[in-house]
Amino acid sequence: MSLIMTVLAITAALSTALAILSFWLPQMSPNQEKLSPYECGFDPLGSARLPFSLRFFLIAILFLLFDLEIALLLPLPWSNQLASPLLTFTWASAILLLLTIGLIYEWMQGGLEWAE
């Protein structure tokens, strides 16, 4: 039996054993304390289904986009080992220019202003 088949068999057996064990173990009896929601030590007042601010969502999406573009530039110091470091520098400059233009556009459109 190959090593991969052995690992798969052990994984399947362990997963099955743990799943069966979780059904056999006694479950804790729920009481009022365990059924009530706990939010930082305070009793929740009002509904938990409040409308979500779109501003938070936009800021999170902007953060993800700019963070991803910065992550694309992280391997840049190793570009001098490539056959054409000038081409890599040109592409990196284009990415930075695009990032800057996007930031200026969001700033001009008011996407970065928190208070209206």
PDB file of N, CA and C in Angstrom:
ATOM      1  N   MET A   1       0.850  -1.170   0.000  1.00  0.00           N
ATOM      2  CA  MET A   1       0.000   0.000   0.000  1.00  0.00           C
ATOM      3  C   MET A   1       0.896   1.233   0.000  1.00  0.00           C
ATOM      4  N   SER A   2       0.575   2.178  -0.825  1.00  0.00           N
ATOM      5  CA  SER A   2       1.442   3.348  -0.930  1.00  0.00           C
ATOM      6  C   SER A   2       1.249   4.269   0.274  1.00  0.00           C
ATOM      7  N   LEU A   3       2.148   5.200   0.401  1.00  0.00           N
ATOM      8  CA  LEU A   3       2.114   6.128   1.523  1.00  0.00           C
ATOM      9  C   LEU A   3       0.872   7.009   1.474  1.00  0.00           C
ATOM     10  N   ILE A   4       0.480   7.425   0.282  1.00  0.00           N
ATOM     11  CA  ILE A   4      -0.698   8.288   0.146  1.00  0.00           C
ATOM     12  C   ILE A   4      -1.958   7.547   0.576  1.00  0.00           C
ATOM     13  N   MET A   5      -2.079   6.288   0.168  1.00  0.00           N
ATOM     14  CA  MET A   5      -3.250   5.497   0.553  1.00  0.00           C
ATOM     15  C   MET A   5      -3.279   5.255   2.061  1.00  0.00           C
ATOM     16  N   THR A   6      -2.117   5.070   2.660  1.00  0.00           N
ATOM     17  CA  THR A   6      -2.046   4.876   4.103  1.00  0.00           C
ATOM     18  C   THR A   6      -2.497   6.130   4.839  1.00  0.00           C
ATOM     19  N   VAL A   7      -2.008   7.277   4.394  1.00  0.00           N
ATOM     20  CA  VAL A   7      -2.393   8.540   5.024  1.00  0.00           C
ATOM     21  C   VAL A   7      -3.887   8.787   4.849  1.00  0.00           C
ATOM     22  N   LEU A   8      -4.427   8.520   3.660  1.00  0.00           N
ATOM     23  CA  LEU A   8      -5.859   8.690   3.427  1.00  0.00           C
ATOM     24  C   LEU A   8      -6.687   7.757   4.306  1.00  0.00           C
ATOM     25  N   ALA A   9      -6.242   6.519   4.464  1.00  0.00           N
ATOM     26  CA  ALA A   9      -6.969   5.562   5.301  1.00  0.00           C
ATOM     27  C   ALA A   9      -6.952   5.988   6.764  1.00  0.00           C
ATOM     28  N   ILE A  10      -5.798   6.435   7.247  1.00  0.00           N
ATOM     29  CA  ILE A  10      -5.702   6.893   8.637  1.00  0.00           C
ATOM     30  C   ILE A  10      -6.566   8.125   8.846  1.00  0.00           C
ATOM     31  N   THR A  11      -6.549   9.047   7.893  1.00  0.00           N
ATOM     32  CA  THR A  11      -7.358  10.260   7.998  1.00  0.00           C
ATOM     33  C   THR A  11      -8.843   9.929   8.011  1.00  0.00           C
ATOM     34  N   ALA A  12      -9.273   9.042   7.132  1.00  0.00           N
ATOM     35  CA  ALA A  12     -10.685   8.649   7.090  1.00  0.00           C
ATOM     36  C   ALA A  12     -11.099   7.940   8.375  1.00  0.00           C
ATOM     37  N   ALA A  13     -10.249   7.051   8.872  1.00  0.00           N
ATOM     38  CA  ALA A  13     -10.574   6.328  10.105  1.00  0.00           C
ATOM     39  C   ALA A  13     -10.640   7.275  11.297  1.00  0.00           C
ATOM     40  N   LEU A  14      -9.701   8.195  11.384  1.00  0.00           N
ATOM     41  CA  LEU A  14      -9.691   9.147  12.489  1.00  0.00           C
ATOM     42  C   LEU A  14     -10.899  10.077  12.422  1.00  0.00           C
ATOM     43  N   SER A  15     -11.243  10.539  11.238  1.00  0.00           N
ATOM     44  CA  SER A  15     -12.410  11.413  11.079  1.00  0.00           C
ATOM     45  C   SER A  15     -13.693  10.691  11.459  1.00  0.00           C
ATOM     46  N   THR A  16     -13.827   9.454  11.023  1.00  0.00           N
ATOM     47  CA  THR A  16     -15.013   8.668  11.355  1.00  0.00           C
ATOM     48  C   THR A  16     -15.089   8.405  12.854  1.00  0.00           C
ATOM     49  N   ALA A  17     -13.971   8.065  13.454  1.00  0.00           N
ATOM     50  CA  ALA A  17     -13.953   7.794  14.895  1.00  0.00           C
ATOM     51  C   ALA A  17     -14.323   9.044  15.689  1.00  0.00           C
ATOM     52  N   LEU A  18     -13.811  10.194  15.307  1.00  0.00           N
ATOM     53  CA  LEU A  18     -14.132  11.428  16.023  1.00  0.00           C
ATOM     54  C   LEU A  18     -15.587  11.829  15.828  1.00  0.00           C
ATOM     55  N   ALA A  19     -16.137  11.602  14.628  1.00  0.00           N
ATOM     56  CA  ALA A  19     -17.546  11.920  14.384  1.00  0.00           C
ATOM     57  C   ALA A  19     -18.454  11.027  15.216  1.00  0.00           C
ATOM     58  N   ILE A  20     -18.147   9.737  15.291  1.00  0.00           N
ATOM     59  CA  ILE A  20     -18.952   8.812  16.098  1.00  0.00           C
ATOM     60  C   ILE A  20     -18.807   9.136  17.581  1.00  0.00           C
ATOM     61  N   LEU A  21     -17.604   9.478  18.015  1.00  0.00           N
ATOM     62  CA  LEU A  21     -17.365   9.821  19.411  1.00  0.00           C
ATOM     63  C   LEU A  21     -18.137  11.071  19.822  1.00  0.00           C
ATOM     64  N   SER A  22     -18.265  12.026  18.931  1.00  0.00           N
ATOM     65  CA  SER A  22     -18.992  13.251  19.269  1.00  0.00           C
ATOM     66  C   SER A  22     -20.481  12.988  19.470  1.00  0.00           C
ATOM     67  N   PHE A  23     -21.037  11.977  18.811  1.00  0.00           N
ATOM     68  CA  PHE A  23     -22.439  11.631  19.025  1.00  0.00           C
ATOM     69  C   PHE A  23     -22.632  10.824  20.312  1.00  0.00           C
ATOM     70  N   TRP A  24     -21.640  10.064  20.722  1.00  0.00           N
ATOM     71  CA  TRP A  24     -21.760   9.239  21.914  1.00  0.00           C
ATOM     72  C   TRP A  24     -21.551  10.022  23.207  1.00  0.00           C
ATOM     73  N   LEU A  25     -20.754  11.074  23.141  1.00  0.00           N
ATOM     74  CA  LEU A  25     -20.488  11.840  24.357  1.00  0.00           C
ATOM     75  C   LEU A  25     -21.768  12.535  24.816  1.00  0.00           C
ATOM     76  N   PRO A  26     -21.978  12.590  26.116  1.00  0.00           N
ATOM     77  CA  PRO A  26     -23.197  13.256  26.600  1.00  0.00           C
ATOM     78  C   PRO A  26     -23.111  14.765  26.349  1.00  0.00           C
ATOM     79  N   GLN A  27     -24.239  15.303  25.927  1.00  0.00           N
ATOM     80  CA  GLN A  27     -24.281  16.741  25.694  1.00  0.00           C
ATOM     81  C   GLN A  27     -24.673  17.430  26.996  1.00  0.00           C
ATOM     82  N   MET A  28     -24.165  18.612  27.164  1.00  0.00           N
ATOM     83  CA  MET A  28     -24.466  19.376  28.367  1.00  0.00           C
ATOM     84  C   MET A  28     -25.927  19.814  28.321  1.00  0.00           C
ATOM     85  N   SER A  29     -26.568  19.799  29.464  1.00  0.00           N
ATOM     86  CA  SER A  29     -27.973  20.220  29.494  1.00  0.00           C
ATOM     87  C   SER A  29     -28.032  21.748  29.442  1.00  0.00           C
ATOM     88  N   PRO A  30     -28.788  22.294  28.500  1.00  0.00           N
ATOM     89  CA  PRO A  30     -28.860  23.754  28.395  1.00  0.00           C
ATOM     90  C   PRO A  30     -29.717  24.342  29.515  1.00  0.00           C
ATOM     91  N   ASN A  31     -29.256  25.436  30.080  1.00  0.00           N
ATOM     92  CA  ASN A  31     -30.040  26.155  31.075  1.00  0.00           C
ATOM     93  C   ASN A  31     -30.190  27.608  30.616  1.00  0.00           C
ATOM     94  N   GLN A  32     -30.797  28.431  31.459  1.00  0.00           N
ATOM     95  CA  GLN A  32     -31.099  29.810  31.064  1.00  0.00           C
ATOM     96  C   GLN A  32     -29.822  30.607  30.796  1.00  0.00           C
ATOM     97  N   GLU A  33     -28.790  30.363  31.568  1.00  0.00           N
ATOM     98  CA  GLU A  33     -27.537  31.099  31.378  1.00  0.00           C
ATOM     99  C   GLU A  33     -26.881  30.756  30.050  1.00  0.00           C
ATOM    100  N   LYS A  34     -26.939  29.496  29.677  1.00  0.00           N
ATOM    101  CA  LYS A  34     -26.295  29.085  28.433  1.00  0.00           C
ATOM    102  C   LYS A  34     -27.110  29.461  27.207  1.00  0.00           C
ATOM    103  N   LEU A  35     -28.406  29.593  27.357  1.00  0.00           N
ATOM    104  CA  LEU A  35     -29.249  29.939  26.219  1.00  0.00           C
ATOM    105  C   LEU A  35     -29.312  31.439  25.968  1.00  0.00           C
ATOM    106  N   SER A  36     -28.930  32.246  26.954  1.00  0.00           N
ATOM    107  CA  SER A  36     -28.997  33.699  26.766  1.00  0.00           C
ATOM    108  C   SER A  36     -27.746  34.183  26.037  1.00  0.00           C
ATOM    109  N   PRO A  37     -27.892  35.189  25.177  1.00  0.00           N
ATOM    110  CA  PRO A  37     -26.724  35.712  24.459  1.00  0.00           C
ATOM    111  C   PRO A  37     -25.811  36.478  25.402  1.00  0.00           C
ATOM    112  N   TYR A  38     -24.544  36.384  25.137  1.00  0.00           N
ATOM    113  CA  TYR A  38     -23.543  37.066  25.956  1.00  0.00           C
ATOM    114  C   TYR A  38     -22.765  38.011  25.060  1.00  0.00           C
ATOM    115  N   GLU A  39     -22.843  39.297  25.349  1.00  0.00           N
ATOM    116  CA  GLU A  39     -22.131  40.283  24.544  1.00  0.00           C
ATOM    117  C   GLU A  39     -21.295  41.155  25.466  1.00  0.00           C
ATOM    118  N   CYS A  40     -20.066  40.797  25.641  1.00  0.00           N
ATOM    119  CA  CYS A  40     -19.093  41.583  26.406  1.00  0.00           C
ATOM    120  C   CYS A  40     -19.554  41.831  27.844  1.00  0.00           C
ATOM    121  N   GLY A  41     -20.299  40.913  28.419  1.00  0.00           N
ATOM    122  CA  GLY A  41     -20.721  41.064  29.791  1.00  0.00           C
ATOM    123  C   GLY A  41     -21.983  41.867  29.979  1.00  0.00           C
ATOM    124  N   PHE A  42     -22.555  42.394  28.916  1.00  0.00           N
ATOM    125  CA  PHE A  42     -23.762  43.201  29.009  1.00  0.00           C
ATOM    126  C   PHE A  42     -24.936  42.450  28.411  1.00  0.00           C
ATOM    127  N   ASP A  43     -26.104  42.649  28.981  1.00  0.00           N
ATOM    128  CA  ASP A  43     -27.305  42.096  28.376  1.00  0.00           C
ATOM    129  C   ASP A  43     -27.618  42.895  27.121  1.00  0.00           C
ATOM    130  N   PRO A  44     -27.899  42.210  26.032  1.00  0.00           N
ATOM    131  CA  PRO A  44     -28.194  42.941  24.799  1.00  0.00           C
ATOM    132  C   PRO A  44     -29.523  43.686  24.907  1.00  0.00           C
ATOM    133  N   LEU A  45     -29.508  44.934  24.522  1.00  0.00           N
ATOM    134  CA  LEU A  45     -30.716  45.751  24.529  1.00  0.00           C
ATOM    135  C   LEU A  45     -31.140  45.990  23.094  1.00  0.00           C
ATOM    136  N   GLY A  46     -32.350  45.684  22.780  1.00  0.00           N
ATOM    137  CA  GLY A  46     -32.844  45.923  21.430  1.00  0.00           C
ATOM    138  C   GLY A  46     -32.515  44.769  20.503  1.00  0.00           C
ATOM    139  N   SER A  47     -32.791  44.998  19.257  1.00  0.00           N
ATOM    140  CA  SER A  47     -32.599  43.967  18.244  1.00  0.00           C
ATOM    141  C   SER A  47     -31.142  43.912  17.799  1.00  0.00           C
ATOM    142  N   ALA A  48     -30.695  42.719  17.502  1.00  0.00           N
ATOM    143  CA  ALA A  48     -29.340  42.550  16.979  1.00  0.00           C
ATOM    144  C   ALA A  48     -29.300  42.758  15.475  1.00  0.00           C
ATOM    145  N   ARG A  49     -30.444  42.898  14.860  1.00  0.00           N
ATOM    146  CA  ARG A  49     -30.545  43.053  13.411  1.00  0.00           C
ATOM    147  C   ARG A  49     -30.654  44.525  13.032  1.00  0.00           C
ATOM    148  N   LEU A  50     -29.629  45.280  13.340  1.00  0.00           N
ATOM    149  CA  LEU A  50     -29.603  46.692  12.976  1.00  0.00           C
ATOM    150  C   LEU A  50     -29.102  46.839  11.548  1.00  0.00           C
ATOM    151  N   PRO A  51     -29.527  47.876  10.855  1.00  0.00           N
ATOM    152  CA  PRO A  51     -29.044  48.060   9.477  1.00  0.00           C
ATOM    153  C   PRO A  51     -27.536  48.304   9.471  1.00  0.00           C
ATOM    154  N   PHE A  52     -26.883  47.683   8.526  1.00  0.00           N
ATOM    155  CA  PHE A  52     -25.425  47.778   8.404  1.00  0.00           C
ATOM    156  C   PHE A  52     -25.067  49.005   7.577  1.00  0.00           C
ATOM    157  N   SER A  53     -24.141  49.785   8.069  1.00  0.00           N
ATOM    158  CA  SER A  53     -23.729  50.989   7.362  1.00  0.00           C
ATOM    159  C   SER A  53     -22.957  50.618   6.101  1.00  0.00           C
ATOM    160  N   LEU A  54     -23.341  51.202   5.013  1.00  0.00           N
ATOM    161  CA  LEU A  54     -22.666  50.944   3.746  1.00  0.00           C
ATOM    162  C   LEU A  54     -21.255  51.523   3.754  1.00  0.00           C
ATOM    163  N   ARG A  55     -21.017  52.522   4.584  1.00  0.00           N
ATOM    164  CA  ARG A  55     -19.693  53.146   4.666  1.00  0.00           C
ATOM    165  C   ARG A  55     -18.650  52.137   5.147  1.00  0.00           C
ATOM    166  N   PHE A  56     -19.007  51.305   6.129  1.00  0.00           N
ATOM    167  CA  PHE A  56     -18.088  50.275   6.611  1.00  0.00           C
ATOM    168  C   PHE A  56     -17.729  49.312   5.484  1.00  0.00           C
ATOM    169  N   PHE A  57     -18.727  48.914   4.718  1.00  0.00           N
ATOM    170  CA  PHE A  57     -18.510  47.979   3.625  1.00  0.00           C
ATOM    171  C   PHE A  57     -17.579  48.578   2.578  1.00  0.00           C
ATOM    172  N   LEU A  58     -17.785  49.837   2.206  1.00  0.00           N
ATOM    173  CA  LEU A  58     -16.942  50.479   1.193  1.00  0.00           C
ATOM    174  C   LEU A  58     -15.501  50.622   1.667  1.00  0.00           C
ATOM    175  N   ILE A  59     -15.328  50.990   2.923  1.00  0.00           N
ATOM    176  CA  ILE A  59     -13.971  51.119   3.461  1.00  0.00           C
ATOM    177  C   ILE A  59     -13.283  49.756   3.486  1.00  0.00           C
ATOM    178  N   ALA A  60     -14.015  48.707   3.830  1.00  0.00           N
ATOM    179  CA  ALA A  60     -13.425  47.362   3.857  1.00  0.00           C
ATOM    180  C   ALA A  60     -13.028  46.912   2.457  1.00  0.00           C
ATOM    181  N   ILE A  61     -13.863  47.173   1.463  1.00  0.00           N
ATOM    182  CA  ILE A  61     -13.533  46.802   0.089  1.00  0.00           C
ATOM    183  C   ILE A  61     -12.327  47.592  -0.402  1.00  0.00           C
ATOM    184  N   LEU A  62     -12.277  48.883  -0.098  1.00  0.00           N
ATOM    185  CA  LEU A  62     -11.114  49.689  -0.492  1.00  0.00           C
ATOM    186  C   LEU A  62      -9.841  49.167   0.166  1.00  0.00           C
ATOM    187  N   PHE A  63      -9.934  48.815   1.442  1.00  0.00           N
ATOM    188  CA  PHE A  63      -8.766  48.277   2.128  1.00  0.00           C
ATOM    189  C   PHE A  63      -8.289  46.996   1.459  1.00  0.00           C
ATOM    190  N   LEU A  64      -9.215  46.110   1.123  1.00  0.00           N
ATOM    191  CA  LEU A  64      -8.826  44.852   0.484  1.00  0.00           C
ATOM    192  C   LEU A  64      -8.183  45.089  -0.874  1.00  0.00           C
ATOM    193  N   LEU A  65      -8.735  46.004  -1.651  1.00  0.00           N
ATOM    194  CA  LEU A  65      -8.163  46.280  -2.971  1.00  0.00           C
ATOM    195  C   LEU A  65      -6.755  46.850  -2.866  1.00  0.00           C
ATOM    196  N   PHE A  66      -6.578  47.851  -2.017  1.00  0.00           N
ATOM    197  CA  PHE A  66      -5.258  48.465  -1.896  1.00  0.00           C
ATOM    198  C   PHE A  66      -4.265  47.511  -1.239  1.00  0.00           C
ATOM    199  N   ASP A  67      -4.727  46.699  -0.311  1.00  0.00           N
ATOM    200  CA  ASP A  67      -3.851  45.727   0.328  1.00  0.00           C
ATOM    201  C   ASP A  67      -3.395  44.669  -0.671  1.00  0.00           C
ATOM    202  N   LEU A  68      -4.285  44.250  -1.541  1.00  0.00           N
ATOM    203  CA  LEU A  68      -3.924  43.277  -2.570  1.00  0.00           C
ATOM    204  C   LEU A  68      -2.908  43.860  -3.546  1.00  0.00           C
ATOM    205  N   GLU A  69      -3.093  45.111  -3.914  1.00  0.00           N
ATOM    206  CA  GLU A  69      -2.143  45.725  -4.844  1.00  0.00           C
ATOM    207  C   GLU A  69      -0.770  45.900  -4.197  1.00  0.00           C
ATOM    208  N   ILE A  70      -0.739  46.207  -2.921  1.00  0.00           N
ATOM    209  CA  ILE A  70       0.550  46.306  -2.229  1.00  0.00           C
ATOM    210  C   ILE A  70       1.193  44.923  -2.127  1.00  0.00           C
ATOM    211  N   ALA A  71       0.389  43.891  -1.904  1.00  0.00           N
ATOM    212  CA  ALA A  71       0.932  42.530  -1.828  1.00  0.00           C
ATOM    213  C   ALA A  71       1.531  42.102  -3.163  1.00  0.00           C
ATOM    214  N   LEU A  72       1.010  42.633  -4.259  1.00  0.00           N
ATOM    215  CA  LEU A  72       1.593  42.322  -5.562  1.00  0.00           C
ATOM    216  C   LEU A  72       2.985  42.930  -5.722  1.00  0.00           C
ATOM    217  N   LEU A  73       3.266  43.981  -4.974  1.00  0.00           N
ATOM    218  CA  LEU A  73       4.563  44.649  -5.086  1.00  0.00           C
ATOM    219  C   LEU A  73       5.619  44.081  -4.132  1.00  0.00           C
ATOM    220  N   LEU A  74       5.236  43.193  -3.237  1.00  0.00           N
ATOM    221  CA  LEU A  74       6.198  42.669  -2.261  1.00  0.00           C
ATOM    222  C   LEU A  74       7.379  41.928  -2.888  1.00  0.00           C
ATOM    223  N   PRO A  75       7.206  41.159  -3.968  1.00  0.00           N
ATOM    224  CA  PRO A  75       8.371  40.475  -4.549  1.00  0.00           C
ATOM    225  C   PRO A  75       9.267  41.389  -5.383  1.00  0.00           C
ATOM    226  N   LEU A  76       8.991  42.667  -5.412  1.00  0.00           N
ATOM    227  CA  LEU A  76       9.739  43.598  -6.259  1.00  0.00           C
ATOM    228  C   LEU A  76      11.242  43.650  -5.963  1.00  0.00           C
ATOM    229  N   PRO A  77      11.702  43.564  -4.712  1.00  0.00           N
ATOM    230  CA  PRO A  77      13.155  43.614  -4.489  1.00  0.00           C
ATOM    231  C   PRO A  77      13.931  42.482  -5.159  1.00  0.00           C
ATOM    232  N   TRP A  78      13.288  41.384  -5.462  1.00  0.00           N
ATOM    233  CA  TRP A  78      13.970  40.271  -6.110  1.00  0.00           C
ATOM    234  C   TRP A  78      13.910  40.364  -7.630  1.00  0.00           C
ATOM    235  N   SER A  79      13.373  41.448  -8.144  1.00  0.00           N
ATOM    236  CA  SER A  79      13.224  41.568  -9.596  1.00  0.00           C
ATOM    237  C   SER A  79      14.549  41.847 -10.297  1.00  0.00           C
ATOM    238  N   ASN A  80      15.560  42.288  -9.572  1.00  0.00           N
ATOM    239  CA  ASN A  80      16.843  42.550 -10.230  1.00  0.00           C
ATOM    240  C   ASN A  80      17.532  41.256 -10.659  1.00  0.00           C
ATOM    241  N   GLN A  81      17.055  40.107 -10.196  1.00  0.00           N
ATOM    242  CA  GLN A  81      17.632  38.827 -10.599  1.00  0.00           C
ATOM    243  C   GLN A  81      16.998  38.294 -11.880  1.00  0.00           C
ATOM    244  N   LEU A  82      15.948  38.945 -12.360  1.00  0.00           N
ATOM    245  CA  LEU A  82      15.276  38.490 -13.574  1.00  0.00           C
ATOM    246  C   LEU A  82      16.068  38.901 -14.809  1.00  0.00           C
ATOM    247  N   ALA A  83      15.638  38.398 -15.953  1.00  0.00           N
ATOM    248  CA  ALA A  83      16.343  38.700 -17.203  1.00  0.00           C
ATOM    249  C   ALA A  83      16.186  40.168 -17.580  1.00  0.00           C
ATOM    250  N   SER A  84      15.024  40.753 -17.288  1.00  0.00           N
ATOM    251  CA  SER A  84      14.777  42.142 -17.651  1.00  0.00           C
ATOM    252  C   SER A  84      14.233  42.903 -16.442  1.00  0.00           C
ATOM    253  N   PRO A  85      15.123  43.394 -15.575  1.00  0.00           N
ATOM    254  CA  PRO A  85      14.646  44.127 -14.402  1.00  0.00           C
ATOM    255  C   PRO A  85      13.982  45.453 -14.768  1.00  0.00           C
ATOM    256  N   LEU A  86      14.355  46.031 -15.902  1.00  0.00           N
ATOM    257  CA  LEU A  86      13.737  47.292 -16.313  1.00  0.00           C
ATOM    258  C   LEU A  86      12.262  47.088 -16.651  1.00  0.00           C
ATOM    259  N   LEU A  87      11.945  45.974 -17.291  1.00  0.00           N
ATOM    260  CA  LEU A  87      10.548  45.671 -17.598  1.00  0.00           C
ATOM    261  C   LEU A  87       9.743  45.459 -16.314  1.00  0.00           C
ATOM    262  N   THR A  88      10.335  44.783 -15.346  1.00  0.00           N
ATOM    263  CA  THR A  88       9.659  44.568 -14.066  1.00  0.00           C
ATOM    264  C   THR A  88       9.436  45.888 -13.348  1.00  0.00           C
ATOM    265  N   PHE A  89      10.434  46.768 -13.390  1.00  0.00           N
ATOM    266  CA  PHE A  89      10.285  48.084 -12.778  1.00  0.00           C
ATOM    267  C   PHE A  89       9.187  48.882 -13.473  1.00  0.00           C
ATOM    268  N   THR A  90       9.079  48.746 -14.784  1.00  0.00           N
ATOM    269  CA  THR A  90       8.032  49.448 -15.527  1.00  0.00           C
ATOM    270  C   THR A  90       6.650  48.951 -15.107  1.00  0.00           C
ATOM    271  N   TRP A  91       6.482  47.635 -14.983  1.00  0.00           N
ATOM    272  CA  TRP A  91       5.201  47.086 -14.552  1.00  0.00           C
ATOM    273  C   TRP A  91       4.875  47.497 -13.119  1.00  0.00           C
ATOM    274  N   ALA A  92       5.873  47.512 -12.251  1.00  0.00           N
ATOM    275  CA  ALA A  92       5.648  47.928 -10.866  1.00  0.00           C
ATOM    276  C   ALA A  92       5.255  49.396 -10.803  1.00  0.00           C
ATOM    277  N   SER A  93       5.888  50.214 -11.634  1.00  0.00           N
ATOM    278  CA  SER A  93       5.523  51.630 -11.690  1.00  0.00           C
ATOM    279  C   SER A  93       4.099  51.800 -12.199  1.00  0.00           C
ATOM    280  N   ALA A  94       3.703  50.974 -13.156  1.00  0.00           N
ATOM    281  CA  ALA A  94       2.330  51.039 -13.668  1.00  0.00           C
ATOM    282  C   ALA A  94       1.326  50.654 -12.581  1.00  0.00           C
ATOM    283  N   ILE A  95       1.658  49.639 -11.788  1.00  0.00           N
ATOM    284  CA  ILE A  95       0.767  49.236 -10.695  1.00  0.00           C
ATOM    285  C   ILE A  95       0.664  50.349  -9.661  1.00  0.00           C
ATOM    286  N   LEU A  96       1.793  50.962  -9.311  1.00  0.00           N
ATOM    287  CA  LEU A  96       1.768  52.065  -8.350  1.00  0.00           C
ATOM    288  C   LEU A  96       1.003  53.263  -8.887  1.00  0.00           C
ATOM    289  N   LEU A  97       1.151  53.548 -10.179  1.00  0.00           N
ATOM    290  CA  LEU A  97       0.407  54.651 -10.787  1.00  0.00           C
ATOM    291  C   LEU A  97      -1.090  54.360 -10.755  1.00  0.00           C
ATOM    292  N   LEU A  98      -1.471  53.137 -11.069  1.00  0.00           N
ATOM    293  CA  LEU A  98      -2.880  52.750 -11.015  1.00  0.00           C
ATOM    294  C   LEU A  98      -3.417  52.845  -9.589  1.00  0.00           C
ATOM    295  N   LEU A  99      -2.618  52.434  -8.622  1.00  0.00           N
ATOM    296  CA  LEU A  99      -3.005  52.531  -7.220  1.00  0.00           C
ATOM    297  C   LEU A  99      -3.201  53.984  -6.807  1.00  0.00           C
ATOM    298  N   THR A 100      -2.301  54.846  -7.222  1.00  0.00           N
ATOM    299  CA  THR A 100      -2.398  56.262  -6.885  1.00  0.00           C
ATOM    300  C   THR A 100      -3.601  56.910  -7.551  1.00  0.00           C
ATOM    301  N   ILE A 101      -3.846  56.588  -8.809  1.00  0.00           N
ATOM    302  CA  ILE A 101      -5.004  57.147  -9.513  1.00  0.00           C
ATOM    303  C   ILE A 101      -6.299  56.680  -8.848  1.00  0.00           C
ATOM    304  N   GLY A 102      -6.364  55.413  -8.453  1.00  0.00           N
ATOM    305  CA  GLY A 102      -7.548  54.907  -7.760  1.00  0.00           C
ATOM    306  C   GLY A 102      -7.772  55.593  -6.426  1.00  0.00           C
ATOM    307  N   LEU A 103      -6.691  55.840  -5.687  1.00  0.00           N
ATOM    308  CA  LEU A 103      -6.807  56.531  -4.410  1.00  0.00           C
ATOM    309  C   LEU A 103      -7.282  57.963  -4.602  1.00  0.00           C
ATOM    310  N   ILE A 104      -6.729  58.657  -5.593  1.00  0.00           N
ATOM    311  CA  ILE A 104      -7.152  60.036  -5.866  1.00  0.00           C
ATOM    312  C   ILE A 104      -8.614  60.070  -6.300  1.00  0.00           C
ATOM    313  N   TYR A 105      -9.020  59.111  -7.121  1.00  0.00           N
ATOM    314  CA  TYR A 105     -10.413  59.049  -7.571  1.00  0.00           C
ATOM    315  C   TYR A 105     -11.367  58.844  -6.392  1.00  0.00           C
ATOM    316  N   GLU A 106     -11.026  57.914  -5.497  1.00  0.00           N
ATOM    317  CA  GLU A 106     -11.873  57.687  -4.329  1.00  0.00           C
ATOM    318  C   GLU A 106     -11.910  58.908  -3.425  1.00  0.00           C
ATOM    319  N   TRP A 107     -10.797  59.594  -3.310  1.00  0.00           N
ATOM    320  CA  TRP A 107     -10.733  60.793  -2.487  1.00  0.00           C
ATOM    321  C   TRP A 107     -11.615  61.888  -3.069  1.00  0.00           C
ATOM    322  N   MET A 108     -11.536  62.073  -4.395  1.00  0.00           N
ATOM    323  CA  MET A 108     -12.336  63.108  -5.046  1.00  0.00           C
ATOM    324  C   MET A 108     -13.833  62.778  -5.022  1.00  0.00           C
ATOM    325  N   GLN A 109     -14.184  61.501  -5.055  1.00  0.00           N
ATOM    326  CA  GLN A 109     -15.589  61.105  -5.027  1.00  0.00           C
ATOM    327  C   GLN A 109     -16.165  61.133  -3.607  1.00  0.00           C
ATOM    328  N   GLY A 110     -15.326  61.333  -2.612  1.00  0.00           N
ATOM    329  CA  GLY A 110     -15.788  61.399  -1.230  1.00  0.00           C
ATOM    330  C   GLY A 110     -15.907  60.044  -0.562  1.00  0.00           C
ATOM    331  N   GLY A 111     -15.303  59.030  -1.134  1.00  0.00           N
ATOM    332  CA  GLY A 111     -15.391  57.694  -0.556  1.00  0.00           C
ATOM    333  C   GLY A 111     -14.576  57.522   0.706  1.00  0.00           C
ATOM    334  N   LEU A 112     -13.631  58.404   0.949  1.00  0.00           N
ATOM    335  CA  LEU A 112     -12.780  58.286   2.130  1.00  0.00           C
ATOM    336  C   LEU A 112     -13.215  59.199   3.268  1.00  0.00           C
ATOM    337  N   GLU A 113     -14.240  60.016   3.033  1.00  0.00           N
ATOM    338  CA  GLU A 113     -14.727  60.912   4.081  1.00  0.00           C
ATOM    339  C   GLU A 113     -15.731  60.168   4.937  1.00  0.00           C
ATOM    340  N   TRP A 114     -15.487  60.155   6.238  1.00  0.00           N
ATOM    341  CA  TRP A 114     -16.356  59.401   7.122  1.00  0.00           C
ATOM    342  C   TRP A 114     -17.643  60.164   7.415  1.00  0.00           C
ATOM    343  N   ALA A 115     -17.538  61.423   7.747  1.00  0.00           N
ATOM    344  CA  ALA A 115     -18.728  62.229   8.056  1.00  0.00           C
ATOM    345  C   ALA A 115     -19.236  62.883   6.781  1.00  0.00           C
ATOM    346  N   GLU A 116     -20.559  62.896   6.664  1.00  0.00           N
ATOM    347  CA  GLU A 116     -21.133  63.488   5.454  1.00  0.00           C
ATOM    348  C   GLU A 116     -21.514  64.928   5.675  1.00  0.00           C
TER     349      GLU A 116
END
